[in-house]
Amino acid sequence: MRFGALSREIQGISTKVLTERLRMLEAEGIIYREYQATIPPQVTYGLTDRGQELMGVIEQIDVLAQRWYGQKNSSQVSQK
Protein backbone atom coordinates (compact mmCIF):
# COMPACT_ATOMS: atom_id res chain seq x y z
CA MET A 1 0.00 0.00 0.00
CA ARG A 2 1.31 3.46 -0.79
CA PHE A 3 1.87 6.11 1.87
CA GLY A 4 -1.01 8.31 0.68
CA ALA A 5 -3.44 5.38 0.75
CA LEU A 6 -2.34 4.50 4.28
CA SER A 7 -2.79 8.11 5.34
CA ARG A 8 -6.35 8.18 3.94
CA GLU A 9 -7.17 4.80 5.50
CA ILE A 10 -6.03 5.85 9.00
CA GLN A 11 -8.10 8.97 9.58
CA GLY A 12 -6.79 11.58 11.99
CA ILE A 13 -3.12 10.54 11.91
CA SER A 14 -0.53 13.16 11.07
CA THR A 15 2.10 12.58 8.40
CA LYS A 16 4.82 12.79 11.05
CA VAL A 17 3.25 10.17 13.32
CA LEU A 18 2.46 7.83 10.41
CA THR A 19 6.05 8.08 9.19
CA GLU A 20 7.39 7.36 12.69
CA ARG A 21 5.12 4.32 13.13
CA LEU A 22 5.99 2.92 9.71
CA ARG A 23 9.70 3.26 10.47
CA MET A 24 9.20 1.53 13.81
CA LEU A 25 7.26 -1.35 12.23
CA GLU A 26 9.89 -1.68 9.51
CA ALA A 27 12.69 -1.79 12.12
CA GLU A 28 10.84 -4.61 13.91
CA GLY A 29 10.45 -6.59 10.68
CA ILE A 30 6.66 -6.35 10.64
CA ILE A 31 6.43 -4.40 7.38
CA TYR A 32 8.72 -3.85 4.42
CA ARG A 33 9.31 -0.63 2.53
CA GLU A 34 9.88 -0.68 -1.22
CA TYR A 35 11.33 2.49 -2.75
CA GLN A 36 11.31 3.26 -6.47
CA ALA A 37 13.38 6.21 -7.68
CA THR A 38 10.76 7.67 -9.97
CA ILE A 39 9.54 11.26 -10.24
CA PRO A 40 7.84 11.64 -7.83
CA PRO A 41 9.43 8.87 -5.75
CA GLN A 42 7.15 5.89 -5.18
CA VAL A 43 7.17 4.16 -1.79
CA THR A 44 5.10 1.06 -1.14
CA TYR A 45 4.60 -0.72 2.19
CA GLY A 46 3.51 -4.28 2.83
CA LEU A 47 3.42 -6.95 5.51
CA THR A 48 6.36 -9.30 5.97
CA ASP A 49 5.81 -12.92 6.98
CA ARG A 50 6.20 -11.76 10.57
CA GLY A 51 3.50 -9.14 10.01
CA GLN A 52 1.20 -11.73 8.46
CA GLU A 53 1.52 -13.81 11.63
CA LEU A 54 0.05 -10.89 13.61
CA MET A 55 -3.07 -10.57 11.48
CA GLY A 56 -5.11 -13.14 13.45
CA VAL A 57 -4.41 -11.34 16.73
CA ILE A 58 -5.14 -7.93 15.22
CA GLU A 59 -8.43 -9.18 13.77
CA GLN A 60 -9.47 -10.57 17.18
CA ILE A 61 -8.68 -7.24 18.84
CA ASP A 62 -10.70 -5.46 16.14
CA VAL A 63 -13.71 -7.72 16.78
CA LEU A 64 -13.49 -7.01 20.51
CA ALA A 65 -13.08 -3.26 19.96
CA GLN A 66 -16.10 -3.17 17.64
CA ARG A 67 -18.17 -5.03 20.22
CA TRP A 68 -17.09 -2.66 23.01
CA TYR A 69 -17.44 0.49 20.91
CA GLY A 70 -20.13 2.69 22.38
CA GLN A 71 -20.85 0.44 25.35
CA LYS A 72 -20.63 1.85 28.86
CA ASN A 73 -18.32 0.01 31.20
CA SER A 74 -20.93 -0.89 33.83
CA SER A 75 -18.38 -2.57 36.14
CA GLN A 76 -16.51 0.72 36.59
CA VAL A 77 -19.72 2.66 37.16
CA SER A 78 -21.01 0.25 39.82
CA GLN A 79 -17.70 0.21 41.72
CA LYS A 80 -17.71 3.98 42.34
PDB file of N, CA and C in Angstrom:
ATOM      1  N   MET A   1       0.851  -1.167   0.000  1.00  0.00           N
ATOM      2  CA  MET A   1       0.000   0.000   0.000  1.00  0.00           C
ATOM      3  C   MET A   1       0.904   1.239   0.000  1.00  0.00           C
ATOM      4  N   ARG A   2       0.519   2.220  -0.735  1.00  0.00           N
ATOM      5  CA  ARG A   2       1.310   3.456  -0.792  1.00  0.00           C
ATOM      6  C   ARG A   2       1.014   4.343   0.409  1.00  0.00           C
ATOM      7  N   PHE A   3       1.959   5.245   0.695  1.00  0.00           N
ATOM      8  CA  PHE A   3       1.865   6.113   1.869  1.00  0.00           C
ATOM      9  C   PHE A   3       0.564   6.913   1.874  1.00  0.00           C
ATOM     10  N   GLY A   4       0.212   7.511   0.756  1.00  0.00           N
ATOM     11  CA  GLY A   4      -1.009   8.312   0.679  1.00  0.00           C
ATOM     12  C   GLY A   4      -2.254   7.494   0.976  1.00  0.00           C
ATOM     13  N   ALA A   5      -2.294   6.265   0.484  1.00  0.00           N
ATOM     14  CA  ALA A   5      -3.440   5.384   0.748  1.00  0.00           C
ATOM     15  C   ALA A   5      -3.513   5.036   2.228  1.00  0.00           C
ATOM     16  N   LEU A   6      -2.359   4.770   2.838  1.00  0.00           N
ATOM     17  CA  LEU A   6      -2.337   4.504   4.283  1.00  0.00           C
ATOM     18  C   LEU A   6      -2.846   5.712   5.062  1.00  0.00           C
ATOM     19  N   SER A   7      -2.395   6.881   4.666  1.00  0.00           N
ATOM     20  CA  SER A   7      -2.792   8.115   5.337  1.00  0.00           C
ATOM     21  C   SER A   7      -4.307   8.332   5.249  1.00  0.00           C
ATOM     22  N   ARG A   8      -4.892   8.039   4.104  1.00  0.00           N
ATOM     23  CA  ARG A   8      -6.345   8.181   3.943  1.00  0.00           C
ATOM     24  C   ARG A   8      -7.090   7.110   4.739  1.00  0.00           C
ATOM     25  N   GLU A   9      -6.533   5.918   4.811  1.00  0.00           N
ATOM     26  CA  GLU A   9      -7.174   4.798   5.505  1.00  0.00           C
ATOM     27  C   GLU A   9      -7.204   5.009   7.019  1.00  0.00           C
ATOM     28  N   ILE A  10      -6.152   5.633   7.556  1.00  0.00           N
ATOM     29  CA  ILE A  10      -6.032   5.850   9.001  1.00  0.00           C
ATOM     30  C   ILE A  10      -6.375   7.318   9.270  1.00  0.00           C
ATOM     31  N   GLN A  11      -7.637   7.594   9.422  1.00  0.00           N
ATOM     32  CA  GLN A  11      -8.095   8.970   9.580  1.00  0.00           C
ATOM     33  C   GLN A  11      -7.588   9.578  10.879  1.00  0.00           C
ATOM     34  N   GLY A  12      -7.196  10.845  10.805  1.00  0.00           N
ATOM     35  CA  GLY A  12      -6.791  11.580  11.987  1.00  0.00           C
ATOM     36  C   GLY A  12      -5.327  11.443  12.359  1.00  0.00           C
ATOM     37  N   ILE A  13      -4.547  10.697  11.594  1.00  0.00           N
ATOM     38  CA  ILE A  13      -3.124  10.540  11.911  1.00  0.00           C
ATOM     39  C   ILE A  13      -2.330  11.570  11.116  1.00  0.00           C
ATOM     40  N   SER A  14      -1.354  12.177  11.771  1.00  0.00           N
ATOM     41  CA  SER A  14      -0.526  13.161  11.075  1.00  0.00           C
ATOM     42  C   SER A  14       0.527  12.441  10.244  1.00  0.00           C
ATOM     43  N   THR A  15       1.057  13.138   9.258  1.00  0.00           N
ATOM     44  CA  THR A  15       2.104  12.583   8.401  1.00  0.00           C
ATOM     45  C   THR A  15       3.322  12.198   9.239  1.00  0.00           C
ATOM     46  N   LYS A  16       3.654  13.055  10.197  1.00  0.00           N
ATOM     47  CA  LYS A  16       4.820  12.792  11.047  1.00  0.00           C
ATOM     48  C   LYS A  16       4.642  11.505  11.853  1.00  0.00           C
ATOM     49  N   VAL A  17       3.499  11.345  12.485  1.00  0.00           N
ATOM     50  CA  VAL A  17       3.249  10.168  13.315  1.00  0.00           C
ATOM     51  C   VAL A  17       3.180   8.911  12.455  1.00  0.00           C
ATOM     52  N   LEU A  18       2.529   8.985  11.304  1.00  0.00           N
ATOM     53  CA  LEU A  18       2.456   7.833  10.412  1.00  0.00           C
ATOM     54  C   LEU A  18       3.852   7.409   9.972  1.00  0.00           C
ATOM     55  N   THR A  19       4.682   8.374   9.599  1.00  0.00           N
ATOM     56  CA  THR A  19       6.054   8.080   9.186  1.00  0.00           C
ATOM     57  C   THR A  19       6.826   7.411  10.316  1.00  0.00           C
ATOM     58  N   GLU A  20       6.698   7.937  11.528  1.00  0.00           N
ATOM     59  CA  GLU A  20       7.387   7.356  12.687  1.00  0.00           C
ATOM     60  C   GLU A  20       6.939   5.920  12.934  1.00  0.00           C
ATOM     61  N   ARG A  21       5.646   5.669  12.879  1.00  0.00           N
ATOM     62  CA  ARG A  21       5.121   4.320  13.132  1.00  0.00           C
ATOM     63  C   ARG A  21       5.559   3.346  12.050  1.00  0.00           C
ATOM     64  N   LEU A  22       5.548   3.794  10.804  1.00  0.00           N
ATOM     65  CA  LEU A  22       5.986   2.919   9.714  1.00  0.00           C
ATOM     66  C   LEU A  22       7.460   2.565   9.864  1.00  0.00           C
ATOM     67  N   ARG A  23       8.278   3.528  10.251  1.00  0.00           N
ATOM     68  CA  ARG A  23       9.704   3.259  10.468  1.00  0.00           C
ATOM     69  C   ARG A  23       9.897   2.275  11.609  1.00  0.00           C
ATOM     70  N   MET A  24       9.122   2.428  12.674  1.00  0.00           N
ATOM     71  CA  MET A  24       9.204   1.526  13.813  1.00  0.00           C
ATOM     72  C   MET A  24       8.809   0.097  13.412  1.00  0.00           C
ATOM     73  N   LEU A  25       7.711  -0.033  12.674  1.00  0.00           N
ATOM     74  CA  LEU A  25       7.257  -1.347  12.231  1.00  0.00           C
ATOM     75  C   LEU A  25       8.255  -1.987  11.265  1.00  0.00           C
ATOM     76  N   GLU A  26       8.870  -1.173  10.431  1.00  0.00           N
ATOM     77  CA  GLU A  26       9.894  -1.683   9.512  1.00  0.00           C
ATOM     78  C   GLU A  26      11.119  -2.165  10.297  1.00  0.00           C
ATOM     79  N   ALA A  27      11.533  -1.408  11.298  1.00  0.00           N
ATOM     80  CA  ALA A  27      12.691  -1.787  12.121  1.00  0.00           C
ATOM     81  C   ALA A  27      12.444  -3.099  12.861  1.00  0.00           C
ATOM     82  N   GLU A  28      11.189  -3.373  13.203  1.00  0.00           N
ATOM     83  CA  GLU A  28      10.839  -4.608  13.909  1.00  0.00           C
ATOM     84  C   GLU A  28      10.585  -5.773  12.959  1.00  0.00           C
ATOM     85  N   GLY A  29      10.645  -5.515  11.654  1.00  0.00           N
ATOM     86  CA  GLY A  29      10.454  -6.588  10.679  1.00  0.00           C
ATOM     87  C   GLY A  29       9.006  -6.964  10.452  1.00  0.00           C
ATOM     88  N   ILE A  30       8.090  -6.071  10.803  1.00  0.00           N
ATOM     89  CA  ILE A  30       6.663  -6.353  10.636  1.00  0.00           C
ATOM     90  C   ILE A  30       6.177  -5.924   9.258  1.00  0.00           C
ATOM     91  N   ILE A  31       6.755  -4.844   8.732  1.00  0.00           N
ATOM     92  CA  ILE A  31       6.433  -4.401   7.378  1.00  0.00           C
ATOM     93  C   ILE A  31       7.730  -4.230   6.589  1.00  0.00           C
ATOM     94  N   TYR A  32       7.586  -4.186   5.280  1.00  0.00           N
ATOM     95  CA  TYR A  32       8.722  -3.849   4.419  1.00  0.00           C
ATOM     96  C   TYR A  32       8.407  -2.563   3.686  1.00  0.00           C
ATOM     97  N   ARG A  33       9.443  -1.888   3.264  1.00  0.00           N
ATOM     98  CA  ARG A  33       9.312  -0.627   2.531  1.00  0.00           C
ATOM     99  C   ARG A  33      10.022  -0.810   1.199  1.00  0.00           C
ATOM    100  N   GLU A  34       9.313  -0.567   0.130  1.00  0.00           N
ATOM    101  CA  GLU A  34       9.882  -0.683  -1.218  1.00  0.00           C
ATOM    102  C   GLU A  34       9.924   0.704  -1.851  1.00  0.00           C
ATOM    103  N   TYR A  35      11.126   1.145  -2.200  1.00  0.00           N
ATOM    104  CA  TYR A  35      11.328   2.485  -2.748  1.00  0.00           C
ATOM    105  C   TYR A  35      11.675   2.381  -4.229  1.00  0.00           C
ATOM    106  N   GLN A  36      11.007   3.184  -5.049  1.00  0.00           N
ATOM    107  CA  GLN A  36      11.311   3.263  -6.475  1.00  0.00           C
ATOM    108  C   GLN A  36      11.690   4.704  -6.796  1.00  0.00           C
ATOM    109  N   ALA A  37      12.864   4.871  -7.376  1.00  0.00           N
ATOM    110  CA  ALA A  37      13.385   6.212  -7.677  1.00  0.00           C
ATOM    111  C   ALA A  37      12.759   6.764  -8.948  1.00  0.00           C
ATOM    112  N   THR A  38      11.484   7.061  -8.856  1.00  0.00           N
ATOM    113  CA  THR A  38      10.764   7.675  -9.972  1.00  0.00           C
ATOM    114  C   THR A  38      10.515   9.130  -9.611  1.00  0.00           C
ATOM    115  N   ILE A  39       9.913   9.870 -10.527  1.00  0.00           N
ATOM    116  CA  ILE A  39       9.544  11.255 -10.238  1.00  0.00           C
ATOM    117  C   ILE A  39       8.031  11.343 -10.295  1.00  0.00           C
ATOM    118  N   PRO A  40       7.338  11.588  -9.208  1.00  0.00           N
ATOM    119  CA  PRO A  40       7.840  11.642  -7.832  1.00  0.00           C
ATOM    120  C   PRO A  40       8.226  10.245  -7.347  1.00  0.00           C
ATOM    121  N   PRO A  41       9.039  10.175  -6.285  1.00  0.00           N
ATOM    122  CA  PRO A  41       9.431   8.870  -5.750  1.00  0.00           C
ATOM    123  C   PRO A  41       8.200   8.069  -5.325  1.00  0.00           C
ATOM    124  N   GLN A  42       8.279   6.763  -5.511  1.00  0.00           N
ATOM    125  CA  GLN A  42       7.154   5.895  -5.178  1.00  0.00           C
ATOM    126  C   GLN A  42       7.582   4.949  -4.049  1.00  0.00           C
ATOM    127  N   VAL A  43       6.867   5.010  -2.946  1.00  0.00           N
ATOM    128  CA  VAL A  43       7.166   4.162  -1.794  1.00  0.00           C
ATOM    129  C   VAL A  43       5.929   3.306  -1.519  1.00  0.00           C
ATOM    130  N   THR A  44       6.171   2.002  -1.405  1.00  0.00           N
ATOM    131  CA  THR A  44       5.102   1.063  -1.135  1.00  0.00           C
ATOM    132  C   THR A  44       5.441   0.288   0.127  1.00  0.00           C
ATOM    133  N   TYR A  45       4.432   0.036   0.954  1.00  0.00           N
ATOM    134  CA  TYR A  45       4.604  -0.724   2.188  1.00  0.00           C
ATOM    135  C   TYR A  45       3.775  -1.990   2.118  1.00  0.00           C
ATOM    136  N   GLY A  46       4.251  -3.028   2.775  1.00  0.00           N
ATOM    137  CA  GLY A  46       3.506  -4.278   2.835  1.00  0.00           C
ATOM    138  C   GLY A  46       3.906  -5.068   4.065  1.00  0.00           C
ATOM    139  N   LEU A  47       3.141  -6.107   4.358  1.00  0.00           N
ATOM    140  CA  LEU A  47       3.422  -6.952   5.505  1.00  0.00           C
ATOM    141  C   LEU A  47       4.467  -8.000   5.167  1.00  0.00           C
ATOM    142  N   THR A  48       5.397  -8.203   6.093  1.00  0.00           N
ATOM    143  CA  THR A  48       6.355  -9.300   5.972  1.00  0.00           C
ATOM    144  C   THR A  48       5.661 -10.568   6.479  1.00  0.00           C
ATOM    145  N   ASP A  49       6.367 -11.685   6.425  1.00  0.00           N
ATOM    146  CA  ASP A  49       5.814 -12.923   6.984  1.00  0.00           C
ATOM    147  C   ASP A  49       5.511 -12.744   8.471  1.00  0.00           C
ATOM    148  N   ARG A  50       6.398 -12.039   9.153  1.00  0.00           N
ATOM    149  CA  ARG A  50       6.198 -11.761  10.573  1.00  0.00           C
ATOM    150  C   ARG A  50       4.933 -10.927  10.787  1.00  0.00           C
ATOM    151  N   GLY A  51       4.709  -9.951   9.929  1.00  0.00           N
ATOM    152  CA  GLY A  51       3.503  -9.136  10.006  1.00  0.00           C
ATOM    153  C   GLY A  51       2.250  -9.938   9.725  1.00  0.00           C
ATOM    154  N   GLN A  52       2.343 -10.859   8.783  1.00  0.00           N
ATOM    155  CA  GLN A  52       1.198 -11.729   8.461  1.00  0.00           C
ATOM    156  C   GLN A  52       0.803 -12.575   9.665  1.00  0.00           C
ATOM    157  N   GLU A  53       1.796 -13.010  10.441  1.00  0.00           N
ATOM    158  CA  GLU A  53       1.516 -13.811  11.634  1.00  0.00           C
ATOM    159  C   GLU A  53       0.670 -13.036  12.640  1.00  0.00           C
ATOM    160  N   LEU A  54       0.802 -11.728  12.670  1.00  0.00           N
ATOM    161  CA  LEU A  54       0.055 -10.891  13.614  1.00  0.00           C
ATOM    162  C   LEU A  54      -1.397 -10.658  13.204  1.00  0.00           C
ATOM    163  N   MET A  55      -1.744 -10.921  11.965  1.00  0.00           N
ATOM    164  CA  MET A  55      -3.072 -10.573  11.476  1.00  0.00           C
ATOM    165  C   MET A  55      -4.195 -11.227  12.264  1.00  0.00           C
ATOM    166  N   GLY A  56      -4.062 -12.475  12.667  1.00  0.00           N
ATOM    167  CA  GLY A  56      -5.107 -13.141  13.450  1.00  0.00           C
ATOM    168  C   GLY A  56      -5.365 -12.439  14.768  1.00  0.00           C
ATOM    169  N   VAL A  57      -4.293 -12.049  15.443  1.00  0.00           N
ATOM    170  CA  VAL A  57      -4.413 -11.342  16.729  1.00  0.00           C
ATOM    171  C   VAL A  57      -5.048  -9.974  16.521  1.00  0.00           C
ATOM    172  N   ILE A  58      -4.604  -9.273  15.496  1.00  0.00           N
ATOM    173  CA  ILE A  58      -5.139  -7.935  15.215  1.00  0.00           C
ATOM    174  C   ILE A  58      -6.624  -8.014  14.883  1.00  0.00           C
ATOM    175  N   GLU A  59      -7.018  -9.020  14.113  1.00  0.00           N
ATOM    176  CA  GLU A  59      -8.433  -9.182  13.768  1.00  0.00           C
ATOM    177  C   GLU A  59      -9.269  -9.480  15.004  1.00  0.00           C
ATOM    178  N   GLN A  60      -8.744 -10.283  15.938  1.00  0.00           N
ATOM    179  CA  GLN A  60      -9.469 -10.575  17.179  1.00  0.00           C
ATOM    180  C   GLN A  60      -9.633  -9.314  18.023  1.00  0.00           C
ATOM    181  N   ILE A  61      -8.590  -8.500  18.098  1.00  0.00           N
ATOM    182  CA  ILE A  61      -8.678  -7.241  18.842  1.00  0.00           C
ATOM    183  C   ILE A  61      -9.705  -6.320  18.189  1.00  0.00           C
ATOM    184  N   ASP A  62      -9.735  -6.293  16.851  1.00  0.00           N
ATOM    185  CA  ASP A  62     -10.700  -5.459  16.143  1.00  0.00           C
ATOM    186  C   ASP A  62     -12.130  -5.896  16.447  1.00  0.00           C
ATOM    187  N   VAL A  63     -12.373  -7.198  16.467  1.00  0.00           N
ATOM    188  CA  VAL A  63     -13.711  -7.716  16.780  1.00  0.00           C
ATOM    189  C   VAL A  63     -14.119  -7.278  18.188  1.00  0.00           C
ATOM    190  N   LEU A  64     -13.208  -7.413  19.135  1.00  0.00           N
ATOM    191  CA  LEU A  64     -13.493  -7.006  20.506  1.00  0.00           C
ATOM    192  C   LEU A  64     -13.743  -5.506  20.603  1.00  0.00           C
ATOM    193  N   ALA A  65     -12.916  -4.719  19.934  1.00  0.00           N
ATOM    194  CA  ALA A  65     -13.083  -3.261  19.959  1.00  0.00           C
ATOM    195  C   ALA A  65     -14.419  -2.849  19.355  1.00  0.00           C
ATOM    196  N   GLN A  66     -14.810  -3.493  18.259  1.00  0.00           N
ATOM    197  CA  GLN A  66     -16.096  -3.174  17.635  1.00  0.00           C
ATOM    198  C   GLN A  66     -17.254  -3.515  18.569  1.00  0.00           C
ATOM    199  N   ARG A  67     -17.116  -4.631  19.291  1.00  0.00           N
ATOM    200  CA  ARG A  67     -18.173  -5.030  20.225  1.00  0.00           C
ATOM    201  C   ARG A  67     -18.262  -4.052  21.389  1.00  0.00           C
ATOM    202  N   TRP A  68     -17.115  -3.581  21.868  1.00  0.00           N
ATOM    203  CA  TRP A  68     -17.093  -2.662  23.006  1.00  0.00           C
ATOM    204  C   TRP A  68     -17.416  -1.229  22.616  1.00  0.00           C
ATOM    205  N   TYR A  69     -17.256  -0.884  21.352  1.00  0.00           N
ATOM    206  CA  TYR A  69     -17.437   0.492  20.914  1.00  0.00           C
ATOM    207  C   TYR A  69     -18.824   0.994  21.295  1.00  0.00           C
ATOM    208  N   GLY A  70     -18.856   2.075  22.024  1.00  0.00           N
ATOM    209  CA  GLY A  70     -20.126   2.689  22.384  1.00  0.00           C
ATOM    210  C   GLY A  70     -20.778   2.124  23.620  1.00  0.00           C
ATOM    211  N   GLN A  71     -20.258   1.008  24.144  1.00  0.00           N
ATOM    212  CA  GLN A  71     -20.847   0.437  25.352  1.00  0.00           C
ATOM    213  C   GLN A  71     -20.281   1.130  26.582  1.00  0.00           C
ATOM    214  N   LYS A  72     -21.100   1.306  27.585  1.00  0.00           N
ATOM    215  CA  LYS A  72     -20.627   1.847  28.860  1.00  0.00           C
ATOM    216  C   LYS A  72     -19.995   0.700  29.642  1.00  0.00           C
ATOM    217  N   ASN A  73     -18.960   1.006  30.363  1.00  0.00           N
ATOM    218  CA  ASN A  73     -18.319   0.008  31.201  1.00  0.00           C
ATOM    219  C   ASN A  73     -19.061  -0.023  32.530  1.00  0.00           C
ATOM    220  N   SER A  74     -20.061  -0.873  32.651  1.00  0.00           N
ATOM    221  CA  SER A  74     -20.932  -0.895  33.829  1.00  0.00           C
ATOM    222  C   SER A  74     -20.172  -1.332  35.077  1.00  0.00           C
ATOM    223  N   SER A  75     -19.119  -2.135  34.942  1.00  0.00           N
ATOM    224  CA  SER A  75     -18.382  -2.568  36.137  1.00  0.00           C
ATOM    225  C   SER A  75     -17.671  -1.402  36.795  1.00  0.00           C
ATOM    226  N   GLN A  76     -17.170  -0.453  36.010  1.00  0.00           N
ATOM    227  CA  GLN A  76     -16.510   0.721  36.587  1.00  0.00           C
ATOM    228  C   GLN A  76     -17.539   1.641  37.238  1.00  0.00           C
ATOM    229  N   VAL A  77     -18.684   1.773  36.630  1.00  0.00           N
ATOM    230  CA  VAL A  77     -19.721   2.662  37.161  1.00  0.00           C
ATOM    231  C   VAL A  77     -20.225   2.117  38.493  1.00  0.00           C
ATOM    232  N   SER A  78     -20.446   0.806  38.602  1.00  0.00           N
ATOM    233  CA  SER A  78     -21.014   0.245  39.821  1.00  0.00           C
ATOM    234  C   SER A  78     -20.014   0.204  40.961  1.00  0.00           C
ATOM    235  N   GLN A  79     -18.714   0.251  40.676  1.00  0.00           N
ATOM    236  CA  GLN A  79     -17.702   0.208  41.720  1.00  0.00           C
ATOM    237  C   GLN A  79     -17.491   1.563  42.380  1.00  0.00           C
ATOM    238  N   LYS A  80     -17.933   2.625  41.792  1.00  0.00           N
ATOM    239  CA  LYS A  80     -17.707   3.978  42.335  1.00  0.00           C
ATOM    240  C   LYS A  80     -18.683   4.317  43.412  1.00  0.00           C
TER     241      LYS A  80
END
